[in-house]
Protein backbone atom coordinates (compact mmCIF):
# COMPACT_ATOMS: atom_id res chain seq x y z
CA UNK A 1 0.04 -0.04 -0.15
CA UNK A 2 1.23 3.33 -0.75
CA UNK A 3 1.86 6.28 1.64
CA UNK A 4 -0.64 7.89 0.31
CA UNK A 5 -3.46 5.40 0.54
CA UNK A 6 -2.20 4.53 4.11
CA UNK A 7 -2.85 8.23 5.32
CA UNK A 8 -5.90 8.30 3.64
CA UNK A 9 -7.19 4.94 5.03
CA UNK A 10 -5.82 6.51 8.56
CA UNK A 11 -8.07 9.64 8.09
CA UNK A 12 -11.14 7.73 7.01
CA UNK A 13 -11.31 5.58 10.06
CA UNK A 14 -10.02 8.52 12.26
CA UNK A 15 -13.26 10.31 11.11
CA UNK A 16 -15.34 7.19 11.72
CA UNK A 17 -13.72 6.99 15.10
CA UNK A 18 -14.74 10.77 15.79
CA UNK A 19 -18.04 10.46 14.35
CA UNK A 20 -18.71 7.25 16.64
CA UNK A 21 -18.92 9.42 19.73
CA UNK A 22 -20.03 13.09 18.13
CA UNK A 23 -22.88 14.64 19.45
CA UNK A 24 -22.77 12.89 22.69
CA UNK A 25 -22.87 14.88 25.98
CA UNK A 26 -19.84 15.13 28.36
CA UNK A 27 -21.94 13.19 30.81
CA UNK A 28 -22.57 10.39 28.39
CA UNK A 29 -19.04 10.34 27.31
CA UNK A 30 -18.29 9.68 31.14
CA UNK A 31 -20.83 7.04 31.82
CA UNK A 32 -18.74 3.63 32.35
CA UNK A 33 -19.84 0.46 30.37
CA UNK A 34 -19.62 2.05 26.82
CA UNK A 35 -16.69 -0.42 25.86
CA UNK A 36 -16.46 -3.16 28.65
CA UNK A 37 -16.26 -1.22 31.94
CA UNK A 38 -14.52 1.65 30.00
CA UNK A 39 -16.30 5.12 29.23
CA UNK A 40 -15.96 6.54 25.97
CA UNK A 41 -13.43 9.14 27.63
CA UNK A 42 -11.47 5.91 28.84
CA UNK A 43 -11.53 4.98 25.28
CA UNK A 44 -10.25 8.37 24.07
CA UNK A 45 -7.50 8.30 26.53
CA UNK A 46 -6.68 4.70 25.17
CA UNK A 47 -6.56 5.57 21.65
CA UNK A 48 -4.35 8.53 22.63
CA UNK A 49 -2.17 6.19 24.56
CA UNK A 50 -1.43 3.82 21.56
CA UNK A 51 -0.58 6.68 19.24
CA UNK A 52 1.88 7.91 21.82
CA UNK A 53 3.17 4.28 21.72
CA UNK A 54 3.45 4.63 17.94
CA UNK A 55 5.30 7.68 18.23
CA UNK A 56 7.95 6.03 20.48
CA UNK A 57 7.91 2.50 18.57
CA UNK A 58 7.87 3.63 15.03
CA UNK A 59 11.42 5.73 15.06
CA UNK A 60 12.86 2.60 16.64
CA UNK A 61 11.46 0.33 13.59
CA UNK A 62 13.05 2.83 11.15
CA UNK A 63 16.24 2.81 12.96
CA UNK A 64 16.26 -1.19 13.02
CA UNK A 65 16.06 -1.24 16.74
CA UNK A 66 13.98 -3.74 19.01
CA UNK A 67 10.91 -2.65 20.08
CA UNK A 68 9.97 -2.95 23.86
CA UNK A 69 8.10 -5.97 24.85
CA UNK A 70 4.76 -5.51 26.72
CA UNK A 71 5.51 -8.48 28.75
CA UNK A 72 7.53 -5.69 30.88
CA UNK A 73 4.03 -4.44 31.96
CA UNK A 74 2.77 -7.88 32.51
CA UNK A 75 1.19 -7.99 28.79
CA UNK A 76 -1.09 -5.60 26.64
CA UNK A 77 -4.06 -5.73 29.06
CA UNK A 78 -1.75 -4.83 31.83
CA UNK A 79 -0.22 -1.93 29.80
CA UNK A 80 -3.74 -0.70 28.99
CA UNK A 81 -4.66 -0.56 32.68
CA UNK A 82 -1.56 1.36 33.53
CA UNK A 83 -2.05 3.88 31.05
CA UNK A 84 -5.61 4.14 32.08
CA UNK A 85 -4.68 4.74 35.78
CA UNK A 86 -1.99 7.28 34.41
CA UNK A 87 -4.57 9.44 32.85
CA UNK A 88 -7.51 8.58 35.12
CA UNK A 89 -7.33 12.10 36.73
CA UNK A 90 -7.27 13.72 33.67
CA UNK A 91 -10.43 16.09 32.86
CA UNK A 92 -12.47 15.00 29.88
CA UNK A 93 -11.67 18.18 27.87
CA UNK A 94 -7.80 17.54 28.56
CA UNK A 95 -8.45 13.80 27.52
CA UNK A 96 -9.88 15.41 23.99
CA UNK A 97 -7.14 17.77 23.69
CA UNK A 98 -4.41 15.32 24.24
CA UNK A 99 -6.37 12.78 21.82
CA UNK A 100 -6.30 15.54 18.88
CA UNK A 101 -2.72 16.83 19.80
CA UNK A 102 -1.30 13.21 19.89
CA UNK A 103 -2.94 12.49 16.43
CA UNK A 104 -1.70 15.61 14.69
CA UNK A 105 1.78 14.88 15.94
CA UNK A 106 1.62 11.40 14.50
CA UNK A 107 0.37 12.69 11.29
CA UNK A 108 3.12 15.13 11.02
CA UNK A 109 5.81 12.35 11.71
CA UNK A 110 4.14 10.27 8.92
CA UNK A 111 4.58 12.89 6.56
CA UNK A 112 8.17 12.78 6.77
CA UNK A 113 8.57 9.11 6.55
CA UNK A 114 9.76 7.44 2.97
CA UNK A 115 7.18 6.01 0.83
CA UNK A 116 8.96 2.72 0.93
CA UNK A 117 8.01 2.16 4.68
CA UNK A 118 4.53 2.21 3.99
CA UNK A 119 4.82 -1.39 2.16
CA UNK A 120 2.01 -3.47 3.81
CA UNK A 121 4.87 -6.06 4.53
CA UNK A 122 7.09 -4.07 6.40
CA UNK A 123 7.51 -4.28 10.08
CA UNK A 124 6.80 -0.10 10.13
CA UNK A 125 3.46 -0.50 8.24
CA UNK A 126 2.31 -3.48 10.45
CA UNK A 127 2.75 -1.71 13.45
CA UNK A 128 1.20 1.63 12.37
CA UNK A 129 -1.87 -0.23 11.19
CA UNK A 130 -2.18 -1.91 14.53
CA UNK A 131 -1.86 1.36 16.72
CA UNK A 132 -4.04 3.32 14.14
CA UNK A 133 -6.62 2.52 11.52
CA UNK A 134 -7.24 -0.95 12.75
CA UNK A 135 -7.59 0.21 16.32
CA UNK A 136 -9.72 3.43 15.40
CA UNK A 137 -12.10 0.92 13.50
CA UNK A 138 -12.21 -1.66 16.37
CA UNK A 139 -13.26 1.12 18.94
CA UNK A 140 -15.71 2.84 16.73
CA UNK A 141 -17.41 -0.36 16.09
CA UNK A 142 -17.80 -0.97 19.86
CA UNK A 143 -18.97 2.75 20.63
CA UNK A 144 -21.24 2.52 17.62
CA UNK A 145 -22.73 -0.85 18.78
CA UNK A 146 -23.27 0.71 22.50
CA UNK A 147 -25.02 3.46 20.96
CA UNK A 148 -27.24 1.25 19.19
CA UNK A 149 -28.06 -0.72 22.22
CA UNK A 150 -28.96 2.18 24.45
């Protein structure tokens, strides 16, 4: 897949993710149980955490360095729990701001990456796909289902 197609796909899935909670009041965004026991606010913090991870890990991949294993946290679920705890005190507005700012930083980073790194078989592209557009889609579906079932 070309860089242009990857970035287009990312933005399509990003928009669908943002649309999944568009129009909901702040009190609804704070209700637990939207995705498992998480509120939508928690999901926003979660997506921002994984984009932060992408900004840490993708440069290591570009440099051919090993990437950190999540076993050091006790696995991905433990990492997610640790990140949720780290962001638990953040107000909703700050979580939203962090989400948008982190996404913008990631896009700015990706613009500078050579097209060859976006080949669907590259380690870089696989990690990008997991941390971004596949992840956005997963949580957008969960939020949309929660909204439909309410």
